[in-house]
Amino acid sequence: MGLGALGPGIGQGNAVKGAVEGIARNPGASGKIMTTMLVGLAMIESLAIYALVIALILLFANPFM
């Protein structure tokens, strides 16, 4: 689960960093940047949720045992 959370965590950090830099350069576009960033963060977070689901399946319904 830790490795499944590492990638999305790094990706979300980079996405927020880019959004903050974009808003600092052009404050007038903050609404569009924030909307796009939130959609992107939701997509990235879905990877972490998928990793959690796989971890729970392997933990409680292990098909290999």
Protein backbone atom coordinates (compact mmCIF):
# COMPACT_ATOMS: atom_id res chain seq x y z
CA MET A 1 0.00 0.00 0.00
CA GLY A 2 2.90 2.33 0.71
CA LEU A 3 4.21 2.08 -2.83
CA GLY A 4 0.69 2.57 -4.16
CA ALA A 5 0.43 5.84 -2.25
CA LEU A 6 3.91 7.09 -3.12
CA GLY A 7 3.24 7.74 -6.80
CA PRO A 8 -0.05 9.60 -6.36
CA GLY A 9 1.45 11.62 -3.50
CA ILE A 10 4.33 12.79 -5.64
CA GLY A 11 1.97 13.46 -8.55
CA GLN A 12 -0.38 15.53 -6.42
CA GLY A 13 2.51 17.54 -5.04
CA ASN A 14 3.75 18.33 -8.53
CA ALA A 15 0.23 19.24 -9.69
CA VAL A 16 -0.34 21.64 -6.80
CA LYS A 17 3.12 23.14 -7.28
CA GLY A 18 2.36 23.82 -10.95
CA ALA A 19 -1.04 25.30 -10.13
CA VAL A 20 0.36 27.62 -7.47
CA GLU A 21 3.09 28.78 -9.84
CA GLY A 22 0.51 29.36 -12.57
CA ILE A 23 -1.72 31.38 -10.25
CA ALA A 24 1.28 33.42 -9.09
CA ARG A 25 2.10 34.28 -12.71
CA ASN A 26 -1.47 35.01 -13.78
CA PRO A 27 -3.90 35.65 -10.90
CA GLY A 28 -6.72 36.35 -13.36
CA ALA A 29 -6.75 32.73 -14.49
CA SER A 30 -6.98 31.33 -10.97
CA GLY A 31 -10.54 30.04 -11.39
CA LYS A 32 -9.76 28.00 -14.49
CA ILE A 33 -6.45 26.76 -13.04
CA MET A 34 -8.10 25.67 -9.79
CA THR A 35 -10.89 23.83 -11.61
CA THR A 36 -8.45 22.01 -13.85
CA MET A 37 -6.20 21.21 -10.89
CA LEU A 38 -9.06 19.75 -8.84
CA VAL A 39 -10.15 17.50 -11.71
CA GLY A 40 -6.55 16.37 -12.14
CA LEU A 41 -6.17 15.72 -8.41
CA ALA A 42 -9.33 13.60 -8.46
CA MET A 43 -7.88 11.51 -11.28
CA ILE A 44 -4.59 11.08 -9.42
CA GLU A 45 -6.40 10.19 -6.19
CA SER A 46 -8.30 7.45 -8.00
CA LEU A 47 -4.96 5.64 -8.41
CA ALA A 48 -4.43 5.66 -4.64
CA ILE A 49 -7.97 4.39 -4.06
CA TYR A 50 -7.41 1.63 -6.62
CA ALA A 51 -4.21 0.61 -4.80
CA LEU A 52 -6.14 0.50 -1.52
CA VAL A 53 -8.84 -1.71 -3.04
CA ILE A 54 -6.24 -4.10 -4.45
CA ALA A 55 -4.45 -4.22 -1.08
CA LEU A 56 -7.70 -5.02 0.73
CA ILE A 57 -8.59 -7.72 -1.80
CA LEU A 58 -5.19 -9.34 -1.38
CA LEU A 59 -5.44 -9.08 2.40
CA PHE A 60 -8.95 -10.44 2.94
CA ALA A 61 -9.82 -12.41 -0.20
CA ASN A 62 -6.43 -13.73 -1.18
CA PRO A 63 -6.94 -15.97 -4.21
CA PHE A 64 -3.46 -17.46 -3.75
CA MET A 65 -4.24 -19.21 -0.46
